[in-house]
Protein backbone atom coordinates (compact mmCIF):
# COMPACT_ATOMS: atom_id res chain seq x y z
CA MET A 1 2.05 305.49 46.01
CA ARG A 2 2.37 309.26 46.04
CA ARG A 3 -0.10 311.45 47.88
CA THR A 4 -1.07 314.91 49.01
CA THR A 5 -3.93 316.64 50.80
CA ILE A 6 -5.53 319.75 49.33
CA GLU A 7 -8.12 321.61 51.38
CA GLY A 8 -9.18 318.43 53.17
CA VAL A 9 -9.29 316.26 50.04
CA ARG A 10 -6.83 313.39 50.03
CA VAL A 11 -5.31 312.62 46.64
CA ALA A 12 -3.12 309.63 45.79
CA TRP A 13 -1.62 308.31 42.58
CA ALA A 14 0.36 305.26 41.65
CA PRO A 15 1.35 303.41 38.52
CA VAL A 16 -1.00 300.60 37.59
CA SER A 17 0.10 297.51 39.50
CA SER A 18 0.47 294.01 38.13
CA GLY A 19 -3.34 293.70 38.23
CA ASP A 20 -5.64 296.00 36.34
CA ARG A 21 -6.17 299.70 36.80
CA ARG A 22 -9.45 299.24 38.69
CA GLU A 23 -7.67 297.10 41.31
CA THR A 24 -5.06 299.85 41.72
CA ALA A 25 -7.78 302.51 42.02
CA ASP A 26 -9.74 300.48 44.56
CA ALA A 27 -6.63 299.90 46.69
CA LEU A 28 -5.85 303.62 46.69
CA ILE A 29 -9.44 304.57 47.53
CA ARG A 30 -9.59 302.05 50.38
CA ALA A 31 -6.29 303.30 51.83
CA LEU A 32 -7.47 306.92 51.88
CA ALA A 33 -11.02 306.07 52.99
CA ALA A 34 -9.70 303.99 55.90
CA GLU A 35 -7.95 307.11 57.23
CA LEU A 36 -11.14 309.18 57.04
CA ALA A 37 -13.60 306.51 58.18
CA PRO A 38 -11.74 303.97 60.36
CA GLY A 39 -13.71 300.81 60.96
CA SER A 40 -16.11 301.41 58.04
CA ASP A 41 -16.94 298.77 55.47
CA LEU A 42 -14.87 299.86 52.47
CA HIS A 43 -16.77 297.93 49.82
CA ILE A 44 -16.77 299.91 46.55
CA VAL A 45 -19.76 299.88 44.20
CA ARG A 46 -19.98 301.27 40.68
CA ARG A 47 -23.24 301.61 38.80
CA CYS A 48 -23.58 303.54 35.57
CA PRO A 49 -26.51 305.98 35.79
CA VAL A 50 -27.18 305.55 32.07
CA CYS A 51 -26.98 301.79 31.44
CA GLY A 52 -26.85 300.35 34.97
CA GLY A 53 -23.59 298.54 34.20
CA PRO A 54 -20.84 297.92 36.79
CA HIS A 55 -18.81 300.99 35.88
CA GLY A 56 -18.93 304.68 36.69
CA ARG A 57 -18.37 306.72 39.83
CA PRO A 58 -16.98 304.76 42.82
CA VAL A 59 -19.30 304.78 45.83
CA LEU A 60 -18.59 303.39 49.29
CA PRO A 61 -22.17 302.86 50.56
CA SER A 62 -21.14 302.12 54.16
CA ALA A 63 -18.43 304.77 54.57
CA PRO A 64 -19.07 308.52 54.96
CA VAL A 65 -16.73 309.49 52.11
CA ARG A 66 -16.87 310.63 48.50
CA ALA A 67 -14.41 309.38 45.90
CA SER A 68 -13.36 310.01 42.31
CA ILE A 69 -10.94 308.28 39.94
CA ALA A 70 -8.89 309.30 36.91
CA TYR A 71 -6.70 307.17 34.69
CA ALA A 72 -3.71 308.68 32.90
CA GLU A 73 -1.64 305.77 31.65
CA PRO A 74 0.37 304.49 33.37
CA TRP A 75 -1.07 306.32 36.39
CA THR A 76 -4.19 305.79 38.45
CA VAL A 77 -5.23 308.88 40.42
CA VAL A 78 -7.89 309.02 43.15
CA ALA A 79 -9.42 311.65 45.40
CA VAL A 80 -11.26 310.91 48.64
CA ALA A 81 -12.92 313.34 51.06
CA ALA A 82 -15.23 313.15 54.05
CA ALA A 83 -18.86 313.40 52.94
CA ASP A 84 -19.50 316.07 55.60
CA ASP A 85 -16.82 318.29 54.02
CA VAL A 86 -17.59 317.74 50.32
CA ALA A 87 -20.96 317.62 48.56
CA ALA A 88 -19.41 316.65 45.21
CA LEU A 89 -15.92 315.67 44.10
CA GLY A 90 -14.25 315.05 40.75
CA ILE A 91 -10.66 314.47 39.69
CA ASP A 92 -9.04 314.23 36.30
CA ALA A 93 -5.49 313.64 35.12
CA GLU A 94 -3.58 313.54 31.87
CA PRO A 95 0.06 312.77 31.14
CA ALA A 96 1.79 316.14 30.72
CA ALA A 97 3.04 315.06 27.29
CA ALA A 98 -0.39 313.94 26.04
CA ALA A 99 -1.51 315.22 22.66
CA LEU A 100 -5.31 315.00 22.73
CA ASP A 101 -7.46 315.88 19.74
CA LEU A 102 -10.34 317.77 21.33
CA ALA A 103 -11.30 319.83 18.27
CA ALA A 104 -14.55 317.94 17.59
CA LEU A 105 -15.78 318.48 21.18
CA PHE A 106 -15.33 322.26 21.00
CA ALA A 107 -15.84 323.17 17.32
CA PRO A 108 -16.18 325.79 16.03
CA ALA A 109 -14.27 327.28 19.02
CA ASP A 110 -10.66 326.37 19.72
CA PRO A 111 -10.19 323.45 22.11
CA PRO A 112 -8.73 324.10 25.57
CA ASP A 113 -5.16 323.38 26.55
CA LEU A 114 -4.42 320.21 28.49
CA ARG A 115 -4.62 321.84 31.95
CA ARG A 116 -8.05 323.36 31.19
CA TRP A 117 -9.22 320.00 29.80
CA THR A 118 -8.38 318.30 33.12
CA GLN A 119 -10.35 321.03 34.91
CA ILE A 120 -13.37 320.52 32.62
CA GLU A 121 -13.28 316.76 33.09
CA ALA A 122 -12.96 317.12 36.88
CA VAL A 123 -16.02 319.39 36.94
CA LEU A 124 -18.05 317.00 34.78
CA LYS A 125 -17.13 314.09 37.07
CA ALA A 126 -18.07 316.09 40.17
CA ASP A 127 -21.36 317.05 38.52
CA GLY A 128 -22.08 313.33 38.03
CA ARG A 129 -23.30 313.56 34.45
CA GLY A 130 -19.89 313.32 32.82
CA LEU A 131 -19.83 313.82 29.07
CA LEU A 132 -23.63 313.80 28.93
CA VAL A 133 -23.05 317.53 29.47
CA PRO A 134 -21.22 319.04 26.48
CA PRO A 135 -17.74 320.02 27.73
CA ASP A 136 -18.00 323.45 26.12
CA ARG A 137 -20.87 324.27 28.53
CA VAL A 138 -18.51 324.35 31.54
CA ARG A 139 -17.85 328.00 32.41
CA PHE A 140 -14.93 329.36 34.41
CA ALA A 141 -14.86 332.51 36.54
CA ARG A 142 -11.77 334.53 37.36
CA ASP A 143 -11.93 333.43 41.01
CA GLY A 144 -11.19 329.79 40.13
CA ALA A 145 -14.80 328.61 40.24
CA ALA A 146 -16.50 326.68 37.46
CA THR A 147 -20.18 326.17 36.74
CA VAL A 148 -22.20 323.64 34.79
CA PRO A 149 -25.78 324.32 33.63
CA GLY A 150 -28.09 322.70 36.18
CA GLY A 151 -25.14 321.50 38.27
CA GLY A 152 -24.00 324.28 40.54
CA GLU A 153 -20.61 325.80 41.22
CA TYR A 154 -17.33 323.98 41.76
CA ARG A 155 -14.01 325.16 43.09
CA ILE A 156 -11.06 324.13 40.91
CA LEU A 157 -7.88 323.09 42.69
CA PRO A 158 -4.64 322.14 40.95
CA VAL A 159 -2.90 319.09 42.35
CA PRO A 160 0.91 319.20 42.44
CA ALA A 161 1.70 315.79 40.97
CA GLY A 162 5.11 316.35 39.42
CA ALA A 163 6.26 317.23 35.93
CA GLU A 164 4.87 314.15 34.18
CA LEU A 165 1.23 314.45 35.26
CA LEU A 166 -1.41 317.22 35.13
CA VAL A 167 -4.10 316.73 37.78
CA SER A 168 -7.12 318.91 38.57
CA LEU A 169 -9.66 318.58 41.34
CA ALA A 170 -13.22 319.97 41.35
CA VAL A 171 -15.00 320.33 44.69
CA ARG A 172 -18.44 321.53 45.69
CA ARG A 173 -18.79 322.13 49.41
CA PRO A 174 -22.01 321.65 51.35
CA ARG A 175 -23.66 325.02 51.89
CA SER A 176 -22.83 325.06 55.61
CA ALA A 177 -19.31 323.61 55.43
CA PRO A 178 -16.30 325.93 55.63
CA THR A 179 -13.20 325.20 53.58
CA PRO A 180 -11.20 322.64 55.61
CA THR A 181 -7.69 323.46 56.69
CA ARG A 182 -4.82 321.39 55.37
CA ARG A 183 -4.65 318.02 57.13
CA PRO A 184 -1.68 315.66 57.12
């Protein structure tokens, strides 16, 4: 497992283990959540807001944390933050060598580069509606903030994950919460 902390958000990534990618993601989330909420029940629930199926955003109902997952084969990437520090959280990752065909999602405009795509996906995950919001509706300001219609403003943070992986984090802070200082 590799890890870092960016403005109070703990990020970890690891190659998919011998099990499946969800098992790897859950293990990473539990490890980070245990640091932020020692003694909490770390049961993870997923429920799709559209179909009600057992997939979608990871939620730890008994722990005061927020979590997000990205898969970038062979990597699983997770972000976990204290719920008091973060109102919404999204992470996305792509292999640095990925060649995605995003033209149909952005036509007639040119599609974004891979780094911008990870930022868009992170914002849409933090927003909670995912690709129900057209990706071309995410707007970026010069100050590093991004907005989604009806979803508020998100701060975009790059995650230094090495040369083989592009990772972006989107965070919306509670109105009263200051930006946390870097924690070990």
